[in-house]
Amino acid sequence: MTATIKQRIQSEGFKHYLQSLKFSLYTMRRPLDGFWDLVHEKRGSMAAAHTIVVVYCLVLISYIVQSNFWWIPIQMEGFNALFVVGTVVIQMGLFSLANWCLTTLFDGKGRISDIYMAYAYALLPQLISYAIILPLTYILTADEYMIPIMIWRVGDLWHYLLILCAMKQIHDYTFGKALLTTIISLAAMGIMIFIFLMFFAVVSDGIAYFYSLGQELLFRIRRG
């Protein structure tokens, strides 16, 4: 009996995962209703959000590496897939943290997990645009570069629009307030990156100073 109940729970959980993954298409088509239901009606899931992020990273890496050379001329010797993945994950994490910290001060109703999940669902237009452009780079010529550029820009614009709609619905804001907090969140991301780089530079200089000091002491001890 216990095994049957456990199997039923696992089956229902997997069914909800598939439904929440499929729901990403609905949020892309009807963002206002979609992102409201995503969080407030529990139509989304973190498992589906993680899946979208993983697929997005794989498609992005394929897009960079496999696109025709006239579209993305890349030197494979200097390419690092982990850097691409890290950039995506850090960008999502910083935006989620910055937006949550900011909206907490301005009566925002979303949790940091809700912001992350909505951001992940909003990646779908970019994911689709990259997947469309990749084969087109082998079909089109370099003189027809405006076609993939248009697809790329539509995907980016749609992605930003979804983020704006997501922030409005998650925090129950007006469009103006959602736009303002999103812009400030982006500025906060820049400040956080600047502080991190400054901290990293100070720590690196400190380590280098004490290392050279230790080397000098060892040199004097050996001479003495």
N, C-alpha and C. Protein backbone atom coordinates (compact mmCIF):
# COMPACT_ATOMS: atom_id res chain seq x y z
N MET A 1 0.83 -1.20 0.00
CA MET A 1 0.00 0.00 0.00
C MET A 1 0.87 1.26 0.00
N THR A 2 1.91 1.23 0.82
CA THR A 2 2.80 2.38 0.91
C THR A 2 3.52 2.61 -0.42
N ALA A 3 3.95 1.51 -1.06
CA ALA A 3 4.64 1.62 -2.34
C ALA A 3 3.71 2.18 -3.41
N THR A 4 2.42 1.78 -3.36
CA THR A 4 1.45 2.28 -4.34
C THR A 4 1.23 3.78 -4.17
N ILE A 5 1.11 4.23 -2.92
CA ILE A 5 0.92 5.66 -2.65
C ILE A 5 2.15 6.45 -3.09
N LYS A 6 3.34 5.89 -2.83
CA LYS A 6 4.57 6.56 -3.23
C LYS A 6 4.66 6.69 -4.74
N GLN A 7 4.30 5.62 -5.46
CA GLN A 7 4.32 5.65 -6.92
C GLN A 7 3.31 6.67 -7.45
N ARG A 8 2.14 6.75 -6.80
CA ARG A 8 1.12 7.70 -7.24
C ARG A 8 1.60 9.13 -7.04
N ILE A 9 2.26 9.39 -5.90
CA ILE A 9 2.79 10.73 -5.62
C ILE A 9 3.86 11.10 -6.64
N GLN A 10 4.75 10.14 -6.94
CA GLN A 10 5.80 10.40 -7.93
C GLN A 10 5.21 10.64 -9.31
N SER A 11 4.16 9.87 -9.65
CA SER A 11 3.51 10.04 -10.94
C SER A 11 2.84 11.41 -11.05
N GLU A 12 2.16 11.83 -9.97
CA GLU A 12 1.52 13.14 -9.97
C GLU A 12 2.55 14.26 -10.00
N GLY A 13 3.69 14.07 -9.32
CA GLY A 13 4.75 15.07 -9.34
C GLY A 13 5.35 15.22 -10.72
N PHE A 14 5.56 14.08 -11.42
CA PHE A 14 6.11 14.14 -12.77
C PHE A 14 5.10 14.76 -13.73
N LYS A 15 3.82 14.47 -13.51
CA LYS A 15 2.77 15.05 -14.35
C LYS A 15 2.73 16.56 -14.18
N HIS A 16 2.85 17.02 -12.92
CA HIS A 16 2.86 18.47 -12.66
C HIS A 16 4.09 19.11 -13.28
N TYR A 17 5.23 18.39 -13.25
CA TYR A 17 6.46 18.91 -13.86
C TYR A 17 6.26 19.11 -15.36
N LEU A 18 5.68 18.13 -16.03
CA LEU A 18 5.45 18.25 -17.47
C LEU A 18 4.46 19.37 -17.79
N GLN A 19 3.41 19.49 -16.96
CA GLN A 19 2.43 20.55 -17.18
C GLN A 19 3.05 21.93 -16.96
N SER A 20 3.90 22.05 -15.92
CA SER A 20 4.53 23.35 -15.65
C SER A 20 5.56 23.69 -16.73
N LEU A 21 6.19 22.67 -17.32
CA LEU A 21 7.12 22.90 -18.42
C LEU A 21 6.36 23.36 -19.66
N LYS A 22 5.25 22.72 -19.93
CA LYS A 22 4.41 23.10 -21.07
C LYS A 22 3.81 24.48 -20.86
N PHE A 23 3.58 24.87 -19.60
CA PHE A 23 2.97 26.16 -19.29
C PHE A 23 3.86 27.33 -19.72
N SER A 24 5.16 27.07 -19.92
CA SER A 24 6.06 28.14 -20.36
C SER A 24 5.64 28.69 -21.71
N LEU A 25 5.05 27.85 -22.56
CA LEU A 25 4.55 28.32 -23.86
C LEU A 25 3.38 29.27 -23.67
N TYR A 26 2.56 29.01 -22.64
CA TYR A 26 1.43 29.89 -22.36
C TYR A 26 1.90 31.24 -21.84
N THR A 27 2.91 31.23 -20.96
CA THR A 27 3.42 32.51 -20.45
C THR A 27 4.04 33.34 -21.56
N MET A 28 4.58 32.68 -22.58
CA MET A 28 5.18 33.40 -23.69
C MET A 28 4.10 34.05 -24.55
N ARG A 29 2.95 33.39 -24.68
CA ARG A 29 1.88 33.90 -25.53
C ARG A 29 0.97 34.88 -24.79
N ARG A 30 0.71 34.60 -23.52
CA ARG A 30 -0.17 35.47 -22.72
C ARG A 30 0.53 35.78 -21.40
N PRO A 31 1.49 36.69 -21.43
CA PRO A 31 2.36 36.89 -20.26
C PRO A 31 1.65 37.40 -19.02
N LEU A 32 0.67 38.28 -19.16
CA LEU A 32 0.01 38.83 -17.98
C LEU A 32 -0.75 37.75 -17.21
N ASP A 33 -1.58 37.00 -17.92
CA ASP A 33 -2.29 35.90 -17.27
C ASP A 33 -1.32 34.79 -16.87
N GLY A 34 -0.36 34.52 -17.75
CA GLY A 34 0.56 33.42 -17.52
C GLY A 34 1.41 33.59 -16.28
N PHE A 35 2.03 34.76 -16.12
CA PHE A 35 2.91 34.95 -14.97
C PHE A 35 2.14 35.10 -13.66
N TRP A 36 0.91 35.57 -13.74
CA TRP A 36 0.07 35.60 -12.53
C TRP A 36 -0.22 34.17 -12.07
N ASP A 37 -0.64 33.33 -13.02
CA ASP A 37 -0.94 31.94 -12.68
C ASP A 37 0.33 31.17 -12.33
N LEU A 38 1.44 31.57 -12.94
CA LEU A 38 2.70 30.88 -12.69
C LEU A 38 3.04 30.86 -11.20
N VAL A 39 2.83 31.99 -10.54
CA VAL A 39 3.20 32.13 -9.13
C VAL A 39 2.00 31.97 -8.21
N HIS A 40 0.96 32.75 -8.47
CA HIS A 40 -0.17 32.79 -7.54
C HIS A 40 -1.06 31.57 -7.62
N GLU A 41 -1.13 30.94 -8.79
CA GLU A 41 -1.94 29.73 -8.94
C GLU A 41 -1.07 28.46 -8.97
N LYS A 42 0.23 28.63 -8.73
CA LYS A 42 1.18 27.51 -8.65
C LYS A 42 1.22 26.69 -9.94
N ARG A 43 1.14 27.37 -11.09
CA ARG A 43 1.20 26.66 -12.37
C ARG A 43 2.64 26.40 -12.81
N GLY A 44 3.58 27.06 -12.17
CA GLY A 44 4.99 26.85 -12.51
C GLY A 44 5.68 25.97 -11.47
N SER A 45 6.92 25.59 -11.75
CA SER A 45 7.69 24.80 -10.80
C SER A 45 9.17 25.11 -10.97
N MET A 46 9.92 24.97 -9.89
CA MET A 46 11.35 25.22 -9.95
C MET A 46 12.05 24.17 -10.82
N ALA A 47 11.52 22.95 -10.83
CA ALA A 47 12.12 21.90 -11.66
C ALA A 47 12.02 22.28 -13.14
N ALA A 48 10.86 22.80 -13.55
CA ALA A 48 10.70 23.23 -14.94
C ALA A 48 11.60 24.42 -15.24
N ALA A 49 11.72 25.34 -14.27
CA ALA A 49 12.59 26.51 -14.45
C ALA A 49 14.04 26.07 -14.63
N HIS A 50 14.50 25.14 -13.81
CA HIS A 50 15.87 24.63 -13.95
C HIS A 50 16.07 23.97 -15.31
N THR A 51 15.06 23.23 -15.76
CA THR A 51 15.15 22.56 -17.06
C THR A 51 15.30 23.57 -18.18
N ILE A 52 14.51 24.64 -18.14
CA ILE A 52 14.58 25.68 -19.17
C ILE A 52 15.97 26.32 -19.17
N VAL A 53 16.52 26.57 -17.98
CA VAL A 53 17.86 27.18 -17.89
C VAL A 53 18.91 26.26 -18.48
N VAL A 54 18.83 24.96 -18.16
CA VAL A 54 19.80 23.99 -18.69
C VAL A 54 19.71 23.91 -20.21
N VAL A 55 18.48 23.80 -20.73
CA VAL A 55 18.29 23.73 -22.18
C VAL A 55 18.75 25.03 -22.84
N TYR A 56 18.46 26.16 -22.20
CA TYR A 56 18.89 27.46 -22.72
C TYR A 56 20.41 27.52 -22.84
N CYS A 57 21.11 27.06 -21.81
CA CYS A 57 22.58 27.08 -21.84
C CYS A 57 23.12 26.17 -22.95
N LEU A 58 22.51 24.99 -23.10
CA LEU A 58 22.96 24.06 -24.15
C LEU A 58 22.72 24.64 -25.54
N VAL A 59 21.54 25.26 -25.74
CA VAL A 59 21.24 25.86 -27.04
C VAL A 59 22.16 27.05 -27.30
N LEU A 60 22.43 27.86 -26.26
CA LEU A 60 23.30 29.01 -26.42
C LEU A 60 24.72 28.59 -26.78
N ILE A 61 25.22 27.55 -26.13
CA ILE A 61 26.56 27.05 -26.45
C ILE A 61 26.61 26.52 -27.88
N SER A 62 25.58 25.76 -28.27
CA SER A 62 25.52 25.25 -29.64
C SER A 62 25.44 26.40 -30.64
N TYR A 63 24.67 27.42 -30.29
CA TYR A 63 24.52 28.60 -31.14
C TYR A 63 25.86 29.30 -31.36
N ILE A 64 26.64 29.41 -30.30
CA ILE A 64 27.94 30.08 -30.40
C ILE A 64 28.94 29.23 -31.16
N VAL A 65 28.96 27.93 -30.86
CA VAL A 65 29.99 27.05 -31.41
C VAL A 65 29.66 26.57 -32.83
N GLN A 66 28.38 26.25 -33.07
CA GLN A 66 28.01 25.60 -34.32
C GLN A 66 27.53 26.54 -35.41
N SER A 67 27.25 27.81 -35.09
CA SER A 67 26.79 28.73 -36.13
C SER A 67 27.86 28.91 -37.21
N ASN A 68 27.41 29.21 -38.42
CA ASN A 68 28.32 29.42 -39.53
C ASN A 68 29.28 30.57 -39.22
N PHE A 69 30.49 30.47 -39.74
CA PHE A 69 31.55 31.41 -39.36
C PHE A 69 31.22 32.86 -39.72
N TRP A 70 30.39 33.08 -40.76
CA TRP A 70 30.08 34.46 -41.14
C TRP A 70 29.15 35.13 -40.12
N TRP A 71 28.49 34.31 -39.32
CA TRP A 71 27.57 34.86 -38.32
C TRP A 71 28.28 35.06 -36.98
N ILE A 72 28.97 34.05 -36.52
CA ILE A 72 29.75 34.16 -35.27
C ILE A 72 31.14 33.62 -35.54
N PRO A 73 32.10 34.47 -35.89
CA PRO A 73 33.49 34.01 -36.08
C PRO A 73 34.15 33.80 -34.72
N ILE A 74 34.31 32.57 -34.32
CA ILE A 74 34.82 32.28 -32.98
C ILE A 74 36.09 31.45 -33.06
N GLN A 75 37.03 31.77 -32.20
CA GLN A 75 38.25 30.99 -32.06
C GLN A 75 38.03 29.95 -30.96
N MET A 76 37.96 28.68 -31.33
CA MET A 76 37.64 27.64 -30.37
C MET A 76 38.69 27.50 -29.27
N GLU A 77 39.94 27.96 -29.57
CA GLU A 77 40.98 27.86 -28.55
C GLU A 77 40.64 28.70 -27.32
N GLY A 78 39.95 29.81 -27.53
CA GLY A 78 39.63 30.68 -26.41
C GLY A 78 38.23 30.53 -25.88
N PHE A 79 37.48 29.56 -26.41
CA PHE A 79 36.09 29.38 -25.97
C PHE A 79 36.02 28.51 -24.72
N ASN A 80 35.17 28.92 -23.79
CA ASN A 80 34.98 28.17 -22.55
C ASN A 80 33.49 28.06 -22.28
N ALA A 81 32.95 26.85 -22.40
CA ALA A 81 31.52 26.64 -22.19
C ALA A 81 31.11 26.94 -20.76
N LEU A 82 31.99 26.66 -19.80
CA LEU A 82 31.67 26.94 -18.40
C LEU A 82 31.51 28.44 -18.17
N PHE A 83 32.27 29.25 -18.90
CA PHE A 83 32.13 30.70 -18.77
C PHE A 83 30.75 31.14 -19.26
N VAL A 84 30.26 30.54 -20.34
CA VAL A 84 28.93 30.87 -20.85
C VAL A 84 27.86 30.49 -19.82
N VAL A 85 27.96 29.28 -19.28
CA VAL A 85 26.99 28.83 -18.28
C VAL A 85 27.06 29.71 -17.03
N GLY A 86 28.28 30.01 -16.59
CA GLY A 86 28.45 30.86 -15.41
C GLY A 86 27.87 32.25 -15.61
N THR A 87 28.03 32.79 -16.81
CA THR A 87 27.48 34.11 -17.10
C THR A 87 25.97 34.11 -16.99
N VAL A 88 25.32 33.08 -17.54
CA VAL A 88 23.86 32.98 -17.49
C VAL A 88 23.38 32.83 -16.05
N VAL A 89 24.01 31.93 -15.31
CA VAL A 89 23.58 31.65 -13.94
C VAL A 89 23.82 32.86 -13.04
N ILE A 90 24.99 33.50 -13.17
CA ILE A 90 25.29 34.67 -12.34
C ILE A 90 24.36 35.82 -12.67
N GLN A 91 24.08 36.01 -13.95
CA GLN A 91 23.16 37.08 -14.35
C GLN A 91 21.78 36.86 -13.74
N MET A 92 21.28 35.62 -13.79
CA MET A 92 19.97 35.32 -13.22
C MET A 92 19.98 35.48 -11.71
N GLY A 93 21.04 35.00 -11.08
CA GLY A 93 21.13 35.09 -9.63
C GLY A 93 21.22 36.52 -9.14
N LEU A 94 22.04 37.34 -9.81
CA LEU A 94 22.18 38.74 -9.41
C LEU A 94 20.88 39.51 -9.62
N PHE A 95 20.21 39.26 -10.75
CA PHE A 95 18.95 39.97 -10.99
C PHE A 95 17.91 39.57 -9.96
N SER A 96 17.81 38.27 -9.67
CA SER A 96 16.83 37.80 -8.68
C SER A 96 17.10 38.42 -7.31
N LEU A 97 18.37 38.44 -6.91
CA LEU A 97 18.73 39.00 -5.61
C LEU A 97 18.49 40.51 -5.57
N ALA A 98 18.93 41.22 -6.61
CA ALA A 98 18.77 42.67 -6.63
C ALA A 98 17.30 43.06 -6.66
N ASN A 99 16.51 42.38 -7.49
CA ASN A 99 15.09 42.70 -7.58
C ASN A 99 14.36 42.37 -6.29
N TRP A 100 14.71 41.27 -5.66
CA TRP A 100 14.05 40.90 -4.40
C TRP A 100 14.39 41.89 -3.30
N CYS A 101 15.66 42.27 -3.19
CA CYS A 101 16.06 43.25 -2.17
C CYS A 101 15.34 44.58 -2.38
N LEU A 102 15.22 45.00 -3.64
CA LEU A 102 14.60 46.28 -3.93
C LEU A 102 13.09 46.24 -3.70
N THR A 103 12.44 45.22 -4.23
CA THR A 103 10.97 45.17 -4.13
C THR A 103 10.51 44.89 -2.70
N THR A 104 11.37 44.29 -1.89
CA THR A 104 11.01 44.11 -0.48
C THR A 104 10.78 45.45 0.20
N LEU A 105 11.53 46.46 -0.23
CA LEU A 105 11.37 47.81 0.33
C LEU A 105 10.17 48.54 -0.23
N PHE A 106 9.63 48.07 -1.37
CA PHE A 106 8.53 48.76 -2.03
C PHE A 106 7.30 47.86 -2.16
N ASP A 107 7.02 47.12 -1.08
CA ASP A 107 5.80 46.32 -0.98
C ASP A 107 5.66 45.28 -2.08
N GLY A 108 6.78 44.74 -2.56
CA GLY A 108 6.70 43.67 -3.55
C GLY A 108 6.27 42.38 -2.90
N LYS A 109 5.46 41.60 -3.60
CA LYS A 109 4.90 40.38 -3.03
C LYS A 109 5.66 39.12 -3.45
N GLY A 110 6.59 39.26 -4.37
CA GLY A 110 7.30 38.08 -4.88
C GLY A 110 8.46 37.66 -4.00
N ARG A 111 8.69 36.37 -3.96
CA ARG A 111 9.86 35.82 -3.28
C ARG A 111 11.00 35.71 -4.28
N ILE A 112 12.20 35.50 -3.76
CA ILE A 112 13.36 35.42 -4.66
C ILE A 112 13.25 34.20 -5.58
N SER A 113 12.64 33.12 -5.08
CA SER A 113 12.44 31.93 -5.92
C SER A 113 11.43 32.22 -7.03
N ASP A 114 10.41 33.04 -6.74
CA ASP A 114 9.43 33.42 -7.76
C ASP A 114 10.09 34.24 -8.87
N ILE A 115 10.96 35.16 -8.48
CA ILE A 115 11.66 36.00 -9.47
C ILE A 115 12.55 35.15 -10.35
N TYR A 116 13.29 34.23 -9.74
CA TYR A 116 14.16 33.33 -10.52
C TYR A 116 13.34 32.49 -11.49
N MET A 117 12.24 31.92 -10.98
CA MET A 117 11.41 31.06 -11.82
C MET A 117 10.83 31.84 -13.00
N ALA A 118 10.33 33.05 -12.74
CA ALA A 118 9.77 33.87 -13.81
C ALA A 118 10.85 34.26 -14.82
N TYR A 119 12.04 34.59 -14.35
CA TYR A 119 13.15 34.93 -15.25
C TYR A 119 13.47 33.73 -16.15
N ALA A 120 13.48 32.54 -15.56
CA ALA A 120 13.77 31.34 -16.35
C ALA A 120 12.71 31.13 -17.43
N TYR A 121 11.45 31.29 -17.09
CA TYR A 121 10.38 31.14 -18.07
C TYR A 121 10.48 32.21 -19.16
N ALA A 122 10.97 33.39 -18.79
CA ALA A 122 11.09 34.49 -19.76
C ALA A 122 12.25 34.27 -20.75
N LEU A 123 13.08 33.26 -20.51
CA LEU A 123 14.19 32.96 -21.42
C LEU A 123 13.73 32.26 -22.69
N LEU A 124 12.49 31.76 -22.69
CA LEU A 124 12.03 30.92 -23.79
C LEU A 124 12.11 31.61 -25.16
N PRO A 125 11.71 32.88 -25.32
CA PRO A 125 11.84 33.50 -26.65
C PRO A 125 13.27 33.55 -27.17
N GLN A 126 14.22 33.85 -26.29
CA GLN A 126 15.62 33.85 -26.71
C GLN A 126 16.08 32.45 -27.10
N LEU A 127 15.66 31.47 -26.31
CA LEU A 127 16.02 30.08 -26.60
C LEU A 127 15.52 29.69 -28.00
N ILE A 128 14.27 30.02 -28.28
CA ILE A 128 13.69 29.68 -29.58
C ILE A 128 14.39 30.43 -30.72
N SER A 129 14.69 31.71 -30.48
CA SER A 129 15.35 32.50 -31.54
C SER A 129 16.73 31.94 -31.86
N TYR A 130 17.49 31.52 -30.84
CA TYR A 130 18.80 30.92 -31.08
C TYR A 130 18.67 29.61 -31.86
N ALA A 131 17.66 28.82 -31.49
CA ALA A 131 17.45 27.54 -32.17
C ALA A 131 17.05 27.73 -33.63
N ILE A 132 16.35 28.81 -33.94
CA ILE A 132 15.95 29.10 -35.32
C ILE A 132 17.13 29.65 -36.13
N ILE A 133 17.89 30.54 -35.52
CA ILE A 133 18.99 31.20 -36.23
C ILE A 133 20.10 30.21 -36.60
N LEU A 134 20.38 29.26 -35.70
CA LEU A 134 21.50 28.33 -35.93
C LEU A 134 21.43 27.63 -37.29
N PRO A 135 20.34 26.95 -37.64
CA PRO A 135 20.32 26.33 -38.99
C PRO A 135 20.24 27.34 -40.12
N LEU A 136 19.65 28.51 -39.85
CA LEU A 136 19.54 29.52 -40.89
C LEU A 136 20.91 30.03 -41.35
N THR A 137 21.89 30.01 -40.44
CA THR A 137 23.23 30.50 -40.82
C THR A 137 23.88 29.61 -41.87
N TYR A 138 23.38 28.37 -42.03
CA TYR A 138 23.90 27.48 -43.06
C TYR A 138 23.04 27.50 -44.33
N ILE A 139 21.84 28.07 -44.21
CA ILE A 139 20.94 28.16 -45.37
C ILE A 139 21.10 29.52 -46.06
N LEU A 140 21.19 30.58 -45.26
CA LEU A 140 21.29 31.93 -45.80
C LEU A 140 22.75 32.27 -46.12
N THR A 141 22.91 33.30 -46.91
CA THR A 141 24.26 33.80 -47.21
C THR A 141 24.55 35.00 -46.31
N ALA A 142 25.80 35.42 -46.34
CA ALA A 142 26.20 36.57 -45.52
C ALA A 142 25.47 37.84 -45.93
N ASP A 143 25.05 37.92 -47.19
CA ASP A 143 24.32 39.10 -47.67
C ASP A 143 22.90 39.17 -47.10
N GLU A 144 22.42 38.05 -46.57
CA GLU A 144 21.06 37.99 -46.02
C GLU A 144 21.08 38.02 -44.50
N TYR A 145 22.11 38.63 -43.94
CA TYR A 145 22.30 38.63 -42.49
C TYR A 145 21.20 39.35 -41.73
N MET A 146 20.42 40.20 -42.42
CA MET A 146 19.36 40.95 -41.74
C MET A 146 18.24 40.04 -41.24
N ILE A 147 18.06 38.89 -41.86
CA ILE A 147 16.99 37.98 -41.43
C ILE A 147 17.28 37.42 -40.03
N PRO A 148 18.46 36.81 -39.81
CA PRO A 148 18.74 36.35 -38.44
C PRO A 148 18.83 37.49 -37.43
N ILE A 149 19.27 38.67 -37.87
CA ILE A 149 19.33 39.80 -36.94
C ILE A 149 17.94 40.18 -36.47
N MET A 150 16.97 40.17 -37.40
CA MET A 150 15.59 40.49 -37.03
C MET A 150 15.04 39.46 -36.05
N ILE A 151 15.32 38.17 -36.32
CA ILE A 151 14.85 37.11 -35.41
C ILE A 151 15.50 37.27 -34.04
N TRP A 152 16.78 37.58 -34.04
CA TRP A 152 17.52 37.77 -32.78
C TRP A 152 16.95 38.93 -31.97
N ARG A 153 16.67 40.05 -32.65
CA ARG A 153 16.14 41.21 -31.95
C ARG A 153 14.72 40.98 -31.44
N VAL A 154 13.92 40.29 -32.23
CA VAL A 154 12.55 39.96 -31.78
C VAL A 154 12.60 39.08 -30.54
N GLY A 155 13.50 38.09 -30.54
CA GLY A 155 13.66 37.22 -29.37
C GLY A 155 14.08 37.98 -28.14
N ASP A 156 15.04 38.91 -28.30
CA ASP A 156 15.49 39.72 -27.17
C ASP A 156 14.38 40.64 -26.66
N LEU A 157 13.69 41.31 -27.59
CA LEU A 157 12.62 42.22 -27.19
C LEU A 157 11.51 41.48 -26.48
N TRP A 158 11.16 40.31 -26.99
CA TRP A 158 10.12 39.50 -26.36
C TRP A 158 10.56 39.06 -24.97
N HIS A 159 11.83 38.71 -24.83
CA HIS A 159 12.39 38.31 -23.53
C HIS A 159 12.27 39.45 -22.51
N TYR A 160 12.66 40.66 -22.91
CA TYR A 160 12.58 41.81 -22.00
C TYR A 160 11.13 42.15 -21.65
N LEU A 161 10.23 42.01 -22.62
CA LEU A 161 8.82 42.27 -22.36
C LEU A 161 8.25 41.27 -21.36
N LEU A 162 8.65 40.01 -21.49
CA LEU A 162 8.19 38.99 -20.55
C LEU A 162 8.71 39.26 -19.14
N ILE A 163 9.95 39.71 -19.03
CA ILE A 163 10.49 40.03 -17.71
C ILE A 163 9.69 41.16 -17.07
N LEU A 164 9.37 42.19 -17.87
CA LEU A 164 8.58 43.31 -17.35
C LEU A 164 7.20 42.84 -16.90
N CYS A 165 6.55 42.03 -17.71
CA CYS A 165 5.23 41.51 -17.34
C CYS A 165 5.33 40.62 -16.11
N ALA A 166 6.40 39.84 -16.03
CA ALA A 166 6.59 38.97 -14.87
C ALA A 166 6.75 39.76 -13.59
N MET A 167 7.56 40.82 -13.62
CA MET A 167 7.76 41.63 -12.43
C MET A 167 6.46 42.35 -12.02
N LYS A 168 5.67 42.74 -12.99
CA LYS A 168 4.39 43.38 -12.68
C LYS A 168 3.45 42.41 -11.97
N GLN A 169 3.35 41.20 -12.49
CA GLN A 169 2.39 40.25 -11.94
C GLN A 169 2.87 39.62 -10.64
N ILE A 170 4.16 39.35 -10.55
CA ILE A 170 4.69 38.73 -9.33
C ILE A 170 4.54 39.65 -8.13
N HIS A 171 4.89 40.92 -8.32
CA HIS A 171 4.87 41.87 -7.20
C HIS A 171 3.55 42.64 -7.10
N ASP A 172 2.63 42.39 -8.05
CA ASP A 172 1.35 43.09 -8.09
C ASP A 172 1.56 44.60 -8.21
N TYR A 173 2.40 44.98 -9.17
CA TYR A 173 2.72 46.38 -9.43
C TYR A 173 1.95 46.89 -10.65
N THR A 174 1.99 48.21 -10.82
CA THR A 174 1.59 48.79 -12.09
C THR A 174 2.74 48.64 -13.08
N PHE A 175 2.47 48.87 -14.36
CA PHE A 175 3.54 48.75 -15.35
C PHE A 175 4.66 49.76 -15.09
N GLY A 176 4.28 50.97 -14.69
CA GLY A 176 5.28 51.99 -14.41
C GLY A 176 6.19 51.60 -13.27
N LYS A 177 5.60 51.10 -12.19
CA LYS A 177 6.39 50.71 -11.02
C LYS A 177 7.25 49.48 -11.34
N ALA A 178 6.69 48.56 -12.13
CA ALA A 178 7.46 47.38 -12.52
C ALA A 178 8.65 47.77 -13.39
N LEU A 179 8.44 48.70 -14.32
CA LEU A 179 9.53 49.17 -15.18
C LEU A 179 10.60 49.86 -14.36
N LEU A 180 10.19 50.71 -13.42
CA LEU A 180 11.15 51.45 -12.60
C LEU A 180 11.98 50.51 -11.73
N THR A 181 11.33 49.57 -11.07
CA THR A 181 12.07 48.64 -10.20
C THR A 181 12.98 47.71 -11.01
N THR A 182 12.56 47.37 -12.23
CA THR A 182 13.40 46.52 -13.08
C THR A 182 14.66 47.27 -13.51
N ILE A 183 14.50 48.54 -13.89
CA ILE A 183 15.66 49.35 -14.29
C ILE A 183 16.61 49.53 -13.11
N ILE A 184 16.05 49.82 -11.93
CA ILE A 184 16.89 50.00 -10.74
C ILE A 184 17.58 48.69 -10.38
N SER A 185 16.89 47.57 -10.59
CA SER A 185 17.49 46.26 -10.32
C SER A 185 18.70 46.02 -11.22
N LEU A 186 18.58 46.42 -12.49
CA LEU A 186 19.71 46.29 -13.41
C LEU A 186 20.89 47.17 -12.97
N ALA A 187 20.56 48.38 -12.50
CA ALA A 187 21.61 49.26 -11.99
C ALA A 187 22.26 48.66 -10.75
N ALA A 188 21.43 48.05 -9.89
CA ALA A 188 21.95 47.41 -8.68
C ALA A 188 22.87 46.24 -9.03
N MET A 189 22.53 45.52 -10.11
CA MET A 189 23.41 44.44 -10.56
C MET A 189 24.79 44.98 -10.92
N GLY A 190 24.81 46.11 -11.63
CA GLY A 190 26.10 46.72 -11.98
C GLY A 190 26.89 47.12 -10.75
N ILE A 191 26.21 47.68 -9.76
CA ILE A 191 26.89 48.07 -8.52
C ILE A 191 27.45 46.84 -7.80
N MET A 192 26.66 45.77 -7.74
CA MET A 192 27.11 44.54 -7.08
C MET A 192 28.33 43.95 -7.77
N ILE A 193 28.32 43.97 -9.11
CA ILE A 193 29.47 43.45 -9.86
C ILE A 193 30.70 44.32 -9.60
N PHE A 194 30.50 45.65 -9.58
CA PHE A 194 31.61 46.57 -9.32
C PHE A 194 32.21 46.33 -7.93
N ILE A 195 31.35 46.17 -6.93
CA ILE A 195 31.83 45.92 -5.56
C ILE A 195 32.61 44.60 -5.50
N PHE A 196 32.07 43.59 -6.19
CA PHE A 196 32.75 42.29 -6.19
C PHE A 196 34.13 42.39 -6.83
N LEU A 197 34.20 43.09 -7.97
CA LEU A 197 35.48 43.24 -8.65
C LEU A 197 36.47 44.02 -7.81
N MET A 198 35.98 45.07 -7.11
CA MET A 198 36.85 45.84 -6.22
C MET A 198 37.36 44.97 -5.08
N PHE A 199 36.45 44.18 -4.51
CA PHE A 199 36.83 43.28 -3.42
C PHE A 199 37.85 42.26 -3.90
N PHE A 200 37.61 41.71 -5.10
CA PHE A 200 38.53 40.72 -5.66
C PHE A 200 39.90 41.34 -5.92
N ALA A 201 39.91 42.58 -6.42
CA ALA A 201 41.17 43.26 -6.69
C ALA A 201 41.94 43.51 -5.40
N VAL A 202 41.23 43.95 -4.34
CA VAL A 202 41.88 44.22 -3.05
C VAL A 202 42.46 42.93 -2.46
N VAL A 203 41.66 41.85 -2.52
CA VAL A 203 42.13 40.57 -1.98
C VAL A 203 43.33 40.06 -2.78
N SER A 204 43.27 40.20 -4.11
CA SER A 204 44.39 39.74 -4.94
C SER A 204 45.65 40.53 -4.64
N ASP A 205 45.51 41.86 -4.50
CA ASP A 205 46.68 42.69 -4.17
C ASP A 205 47.22 42.33 -2.80
N GLY A 206 46.32 42.06 -1.84
CA GLY A 206 46.76 41.68 -0.51
C GLY A 206 47.53 40.37 -0.51
N ILE A 207 47.00 39.39 -1.25
CA ILE A 207 47.68 38.10 -1.35
C ILE A 207 49.05 38.26 -2.02
N ALA A 208 49.09 39.05 -3.08
CA ALA A 208 50.35 39.28 -3.78
C ALA A 208 51.35 39.98 -2.87
N TYR A 209 50.87 40.95 -2.06
CA TYR A 209 51.76 41.68 -1.15
C TYR A 209 52.37 40.74 -0.11
N PHE A 210 51.51 39.94 0.55
CA PHE A 210 52.02 39.05 1.60
C PHE A 210 52.87 37.93 1.01
N TYR A 211 52.58 37.54 -0.21
CA TYR A 211 53.41 36.51 -0.86
C TYR A 211 54.81 37.06 -1.13
N SER A 212 54.87 38.29 -1.68
CA SER A 212 56.18 38.90 -1.94
C SER A 212 56.91 39.18 -0.64
N LEU A 213 56.17 39.56 0.42
CA LEU A 213 56.79 39.79 1.72
C LEU A 213 57.37 38.50 2.28
N GLY A 214 56.63 37.40 2.13
CA GLY A 214 57.13 36.11 2.59
C GLY A 214 58.37 35.68 1.82
N GLN A 215 58.34 35.92 0.51
CA GLN A 215 59.49 35.58 -0.31
C GLN A 215 60.73 36.38 0.10
N GLU A 216 60.52 37.66 0.41
CA GLU A 216 61.63 38.51 0.84
C GLU A 216 62.20 38.03 2.18
N LEU A 217 61.32 37.65 3.11
CA LEU A 217 61.78 37.16 4.42
C LEU A 217 62.57 35.86 4.25
N LEU A 218 62.04 34.98 3.40
CA LEU A 218 62.77 33.72 3.18
C LEU A 218 64.13 33.98 2.57
N PHE A 219 64.21 34.94 1.66
CA PHE A 219 65.47 35.27 1.02
C PHE A 219 66.48 35.79 2.04
N ARG A 220 66.00 36.67 2.96
CA ARG A 220 66.90 37.25 3.97
C ARG A 220 67.34 36.19 4.97
N ILE A 221 66.42 35.26 5.30
CA ILE A 221 66.76 34.21 6.25
C ILE A 221 67.84 33.30 5.64
N ARG A 222 67.70 32.98 4.39
CA ARG A 222 68.68 32.11 3.73
C ARG A 222 70.04 32.81 3.64
N ARG A 223 70.04 34.12 3.38
CA ARG A 223 71.31 34.86 3.30
C ARG A 223 71.97 34.99 4.68
N GLY A 224 71.06 35.13 5.70
CA GLY A 224 71.62 35.27 7.05
C GLY A 224 72.13 33.96 7.59
